Amino acid sequence: MSHEEEIVSEEISSELEAAEEVAAASEEAAEEAAEASEEAEEAAEEAEEAAEESQEEASEEEASSEEESAVEAEESEEVAEEAAAEEEAAEGEATE
């Protein structure tokens, strides 16, 4: 092999080695991107689950609050009825 052929061969080898390094780096970057994408997907699923749980809790709290309000209204009505009955009884005694 002549000196020129040796130089060309070395240049080709050097370029081939550089291309292999670029390919390896690209493959590694692709793997990292796939991993990051998978992690982002998992995070999105977790966020969706958390939002659903939060919505369920809010609905349960609202139902509980409505139930408490209904019980309080019923109790207030009973107290008002008792007060009215006592007032009628007092009026009845006053007229006697």
N, C-alpha and C. Protein backbone atom coordinates (compact mmCIF):
# COMPACT_ATOMS: atom_id res chain seq x y z
N MET A 1 0.86 -1.16 0.00
CA MET A 1 0.00 0.00 0.00
C MET A 1 0.91 1.24 0.00
N SER A 2 0.55 2.18 -0.84
CA SER A 2 1.37 3.40 -0.92
C SER A 2 1.07 4.32 0.26
N HIS A 3 1.91 5.29 0.41
CA HIS A 3 1.75 6.24 1.51
C HIS A 3 0.42 6.97 1.41
N GLU A 4 0.05 7.39 0.20
CA GLU A 4 -1.23 8.08 0.00
C GLU A 4 -2.39 7.17 0.35
N GLU A 5 -2.31 5.90 -0.05
CA GLU A 5 -3.38 4.95 0.27
C GLU A 5 -3.49 4.75 1.77
N GLU A 6 -2.36 4.74 2.46
CA GLU A 6 -2.36 4.61 3.92
C GLU A 6 -3.05 5.81 4.56
N ILE A 7 -2.75 6.99 4.09
CA ILE A 7 -3.37 8.22 4.63
C ILE A 7 -4.88 8.18 4.40
N VAL A 8 -5.29 7.81 3.20
CA VAL A 8 -6.73 7.73 2.88
C VAL A 8 -7.38 6.68 3.74
N SER A 9 -6.73 5.56 3.93
CA SER A 9 -7.27 4.48 4.76
C SER A 9 -7.43 4.94 6.20
N GLU A 10 -6.43 5.66 6.71
CA GLU A 10 -6.51 6.19 8.08
C GLU A 10 -7.65 7.20 8.21
N GLU A 11 -7.80 8.07 7.19
CA GLU A 11 -8.89 9.05 7.22
C GLU A 11 -10.24 8.35 7.21
N ILE A 12 -10.36 7.33 6.38
CA ILE A 12 -11.62 6.57 6.31
C ILE A 12 -11.89 5.89 7.65
N SER A 13 -10.86 5.29 8.24
CA SER A 13 -11.02 4.64 9.54
C SER A 13 -11.43 5.65 10.60
N SER A 14 -10.80 6.81 10.56
CA SER A 14 -11.11 7.86 11.52
C SER A 14 -12.55 8.33 11.36
N GLU A 15 -12.97 8.55 10.11
CA GLU A 15 -14.35 8.98 9.85
C GLU A 15 -15.35 7.89 10.25
N LEU A 16 -14.98 6.64 10.00
CA LEU A 16 -15.85 5.52 10.37
C LEU A 16 -16.00 5.45 11.88
N GLU A 17 -14.89 5.63 12.59
CA GLU A 17 -14.93 5.61 14.05
C GLU A 17 -15.80 6.76 14.58
N ALA A 18 -15.65 7.94 13.98
CA ALA A 18 -16.46 9.09 14.39
C ALA A 18 -17.94 8.83 14.12
N ALA A 19 -18.23 8.23 12.99
CA ALA A 19 -19.63 7.91 12.65
C ALA A 19 -20.20 6.90 13.63
N GLU A 20 -19.39 5.92 14.03
CA GLU A 20 -19.85 4.92 15.01
C GLU A 20 -20.13 5.58 16.36
N GLU A 21 -19.27 6.54 16.75
CA GLU A 21 -19.48 7.27 18.01
C GLU A 21 -20.77 8.08 17.95
N VAL A 22 -21.01 8.72 16.81
CA VAL A 22 -22.24 9.50 16.65
C VAL A 22 -23.45 8.58 16.70
N ALA A 23 -23.35 7.43 16.07
CA ALA A 23 -24.46 6.47 16.07
C ALA A 23 -24.73 5.97 17.49
N ALA A 24 -23.68 5.69 18.24
CA ALA A 24 -23.84 5.22 19.62
C ALA A 24 -24.47 6.32 20.47
N ALA A 25 -24.02 7.55 20.28
CA ALA A 25 -24.59 8.67 21.04
C ALA A 25 -26.06 8.88 20.68
N SER A 26 -26.37 8.74 19.40
CA SER A 26 -27.76 8.89 18.96
C SER A 26 -28.64 7.80 19.55
N GLU A 27 -28.11 6.58 19.58
CA GLU A 27 -28.87 5.46 20.16
C GLU A 27 -29.13 5.70 21.65
N GLU A 28 -28.10 6.17 22.35
CA GLU A 28 -28.24 6.46 23.78
C GLU A 28 -29.25 7.58 24.00
N ALA A 29 -29.19 8.61 23.16
CA ALA A 29 -30.14 9.72 23.28
C ALA A 29 -31.56 9.24 23.02
N ALA A 30 -31.72 8.35 22.05
CA ALA A 30 -33.05 7.82 21.74
C ALA A 30 -33.58 7.00 22.91
N GLU A 31 -32.71 6.21 23.54
CA GLU A 31 -33.13 5.42 24.71
C GLU A 31 -33.54 6.34 25.86
N GLU A 32 -32.75 7.40 26.08
CA GLU A 32 -33.08 8.35 27.15
C GLU A 32 -34.39 9.07 26.85
N ALA A 33 -34.62 9.41 25.60
CA ALA A 33 -35.87 10.08 25.22
C ALA A 33 -37.06 9.15 25.43
N ALA A 34 -36.88 7.87 25.09
CA ALA A 34 -37.96 6.90 25.30
C ALA A 34 -38.26 6.75 26.78
N GLU A 35 -37.20 6.71 27.59
CA GLU A 35 -37.35 6.60 29.04
C GLU A 35 -38.08 7.83 29.59
N ALA A 36 -37.68 9.00 29.14
CA ALA A 36 -38.31 10.25 29.60
C ALA A 36 -39.77 10.29 29.19
N SER A 37 -40.05 9.81 27.99
CA SER A 37 -41.43 9.77 27.51
C SER A 37 -42.28 8.85 28.36
N GLU A 38 -41.70 7.70 28.71
CA GLU A 38 -42.41 6.73 29.55
C GLU A 38 -42.68 7.33 30.94
N GLU A 39 -41.67 8.01 31.50
CA GLU A 39 -41.84 8.65 32.81
C GLU A 39 -42.90 9.75 32.75
N ALA A 40 -42.92 10.50 31.66
CA ALA A 40 -43.91 11.57 31.51
C ALA A 40 -45.31 10.97 31.41
N GLU A 41 -45.42 9.86 30.70
CA GLU A 41 -46.72 9.18 30.58
C GLU A 41 -47.20 8.68 31.94
N GLU A 42 -46.28 8.10 32.72
CA GLU A 42 -46.63 7.63 34.06
C GLU A 42 -47.05 8.81 34.95
N ALA A 43 -46.34 9.92 34.85
CA ALA A 43 -46.68 11.10 35.64
C ALA A 43 -48.05 11.63 35.25
N ALA A 44 -48.36 11.60 33.96
CA ALA A 44 -49.67 12.07 33.49
C ALA A 44 -50.78 11.17 34.02
N GLU A 45 -50.53 9.85 34.02
CA GLU A 45 -51.52 8.91 34.56
C GLU A 45 -51.74 9.15 36.04
N GLU A 46 -50.64 9.37 36.79
CA GLU A 46 -50.75 9.64 38.22
C GLU A 46 -51.52 10.93 38.48
N ALA A 47 -51.26 11.94 37.67
CA ALA A 47 -51.97 13.22 37.82
C ALA A 47 -53.45 13.05 37.53
N GLU A 48 -53.76 12.24 36.51
CA GLU A 48 -55.16 11.98 36.17
C GLU A 48 -55.86 11.25 37.31
N GLU A 49 -55.18 10.24 37.88
CA GLU A 49 -55.75 9.50 39.01
C GLU A 49 -55.97 10.43 40.20
N ALA A 50 -55.00 11.30 40.47
CA ALA A 50 -55.13 12.24 41.59
C ALA A 50 -56.30 13.19 41.37
N ALA A 51 -56.47 13.63 40.14
CA ALA A 51 -57.59 14.53 39.82
C ALA A 51 -58.92 13.82 40.01
N GLU A 52 -58.99 12.55 39.57
CA GLU A 52 -60.22 11.78 39.75
C GLU A 52 -60.52 11.59 41.23
N GLU A 53 -59.49 11.25 42.02
CA GLU A 53 -59.69 11.07 43.47
C GLU A 53 -60.15 12.37 44.11
N SER A 54 -59.55 13.47 43.71
CA SER A 54 -59.92 14.77 44.25
C SER A 54 -61.37 15.10 43.92
N GLN A 55 -61.76 14.79 42.68
CA GLN A 55 -63.14 15.04 42.26
C GLN A 55 -64.11 14.16 43.05
N GLU A 56 -63.73 12.89 43.26
CA GLU A 56 -64.58 11.99 44.05
C GLU A 56 -64.72 12.50 45.47
N GLU A 57 -63.59 12.93 46.07
CA GLU A 57 -63.63 13.45 47.44
C GLU A 57 -64.51 14.69 47.52
N ALA A 58 -64.41 15.56 46.52
CA ALA A 58 -65.22 16.78 46.51
C ALA A 58 -66.70 16.42 46.41
N SER A 59 -67.02 15.42 45.58
CA SER A 59 -68.41 14.99 45.43
C SER A 59 -68.92 14.40 46.74
N GLU A 60 -68.07 13.58 47.39
CA GLU A 60 -68.46 12.99 48.67
C GLU A 60 -68.66 14.06 49.73
N GLU A 61 -67.76 15.06 49.76
CA GLU A 61 -67.88 16.14 50.73
C GLU A 61 -69.15 16.95 50.46
N GLU A 62 -69.45 17.18 49.18
CA GLU A 62 -70.65 17.93 48.83
C GLU A 62 -71.90 17.17 49.27
N ALA A 63 -71.92 15.86 49.02
CA ALA A 63 -73.06 15.04 49.42
C ALA A 63 -73.20 15.04 50.94
N SER A 64 -72.08 14.92 51.63
CA SER A 64 -72.09 14.93 53.09
C SER A 64 -72.59 16.28 53.60
N SER A 65 -72.13 17.35 52.97
CA SER A 65 -72.54 18.69 53.37
C SER A 65 -74.03 18.89 53.14
N GLU A 66 -74.54 18.39 52.00
CA GLU A 66 -75.97 18.49 51.71
C GLU A 66 -76.78 17.71 52.74
N GLU A 67 -76.26 16.53 53.10
CA GLU A 67 -76.95 15.70 54.10
C GLU A 67 -76.97 16.41 55.45
N GLU A 68 -75.84 17.00 55.83
CA GLU A 68 -75.77 17.74 57.09
C GLU A 68 -76.74 18.92 57.08
N SER A 69 -76.82 19.62 55.96
CA SER A 69 -77.73 20.76 55.84
C SER A 69 -79.17 20.31 55.98
N ALA A 70 -79.50 19.17 55.38
CA ALA A 70 -80.86 18.64 55.47
C ALA A 70 -81.20 18.28 56.91
N VAL A 71 -80.25 17.65 57.61
CA VAL A 71 -80.47 17.28 59.02
C VAL A 71 -80.65 18.54 59.86
N GLU A 72 -79.79 19.54 59.63
CA GLU A 72 -79.90 20.79 60.38
C GLU A 72 -81.23 21.49 60.10
N ALA A 73 -81.67 21.47 58.86
CA ALA A 73 -82.96 22.09 58.52
C ALA A 73 -84.10 21.37 59.22
N GLU A 74 -84.00 20.04 59.24
CA GLU A 74 -85.04 19.25 59.91
C GLU A 74 -85.05 19.56 61.41
N GLU A 75 -83.88 19.64 62.01
CA GLU A 75 -83.79 19.96 63.44
C GLU A 75 -84.34 21.37 63.71
N SER A 76 -84.01 22.32 62.84
CA SER A 76 -84.52 23.68 63.01
C SER A 76 -86.04 23.70 62.91
N GLU A 77 -86.56 22.92 61.97
CA GLU A 77 -88.01 22.83 61.81
C GLU A 77 -88.66 22.26 63.07
N GLU A 78 -88.04 21.22 63.64
CA GLU A 78 -88.57 20.62 64.86
C GLU A 78 -88.56 21.63 66.01
N VAL A 79 -87.46 22.38 66.13
CA VAL A 79 -87.36 23.39 67.19
C VAL A 79 -88.43 24.46 66.99
N ALA A 80 -88.63 24.87 65.74
CA ALA A 80 -89.65 25.89 65.45
C ALA A 80 -91.04 25.37 65.80
N GLU A 81 -91.30 24.10 65.47
CA GLU A 81 -92.61 23.50 65.79
C GLU A 81 -92.81 23.44 67.31
N GLU A 82 -91.76 23.06 68.03
CA GLU A 82 -91.85 23.00 69.49
C GLU A 82 -92.11 24.39 70.07
N ALA A 83 -91.42 25.39 69.52
CA ALA A 83 -91.61 26.76 70.00
C ALA A 83 -93.03 27.23 69.72
N ALA A 84 -93.55 26.88 68.54
CA ALA A 84 -94.92 27.27 68.21
C ALA A 84 -95.91 26.57 69.14
N ALA A 85 -95.67 25.31 69.44
CA ALA A 85 -96.56 24.57 70.34
C ALA A 85 -96.51 25.18 71.73
N GLU A 86 -95.32 25.54 72.19
CA GLU A 86 -95.20 26.16 73.51
C GLU A 86 -95.91 27.52 73.54
N GLU A 87 -95.78 28.25 72.43
CA GLU A 87 -96.44 29.56 72.34
C GLU A 87 -97.96 29.40 72.39
N GLU A 88 -98.47 28.39 71.66
CA GLU A 88 -99.91 28.14 71.68
C GLU A 88 -100.36 27.74 73.08
N ALA A 89 -99.55 26.91 73.73
CA ALA A 89 -99.90 26.48 75.09
C ALA A 89 -99.90 27.68 76.03
N ALA A 90 -98.93 28.56 75.87
CA ALA A 90 -98.84 29.75 76.72
C ALA A 90 -100.03 30.66 76.46
N GLU A 91 -100.43 30.82 75.20
CA GLU A 91 -101.59 31.64 74.87
C GLU A 91 -102.86 31.03 75.45
N GLY A 92 -102.93 29.70 75.39
CA GLY A 92 -104.09 29.00 75.94
C GLY A 92 -104.19 29.22 77.43
N GLU A 93 -103.08 29.18 78.13
CA GLU A 93 -103.07 29.40 79.58
C GLU A 93 -103.40 30.86 79.89
N ALA A 94 -102.95 31.75 79.04
CA ALA A 94 -103.17 33.17 79.29
C ALA A 94 -104.64 33.52 79.12
N THR A 95 -105.35 32.85 78.23
CA THR A 95 -106.77 33.15 78.00
C THR A 95 -107.65 32.49 79.04
N GLU A 96 -107.14 31.52 79.77
CA GLU A 96 -107.95 30.84 80.78
C GLU A 96 -108.08 31.58 82.04
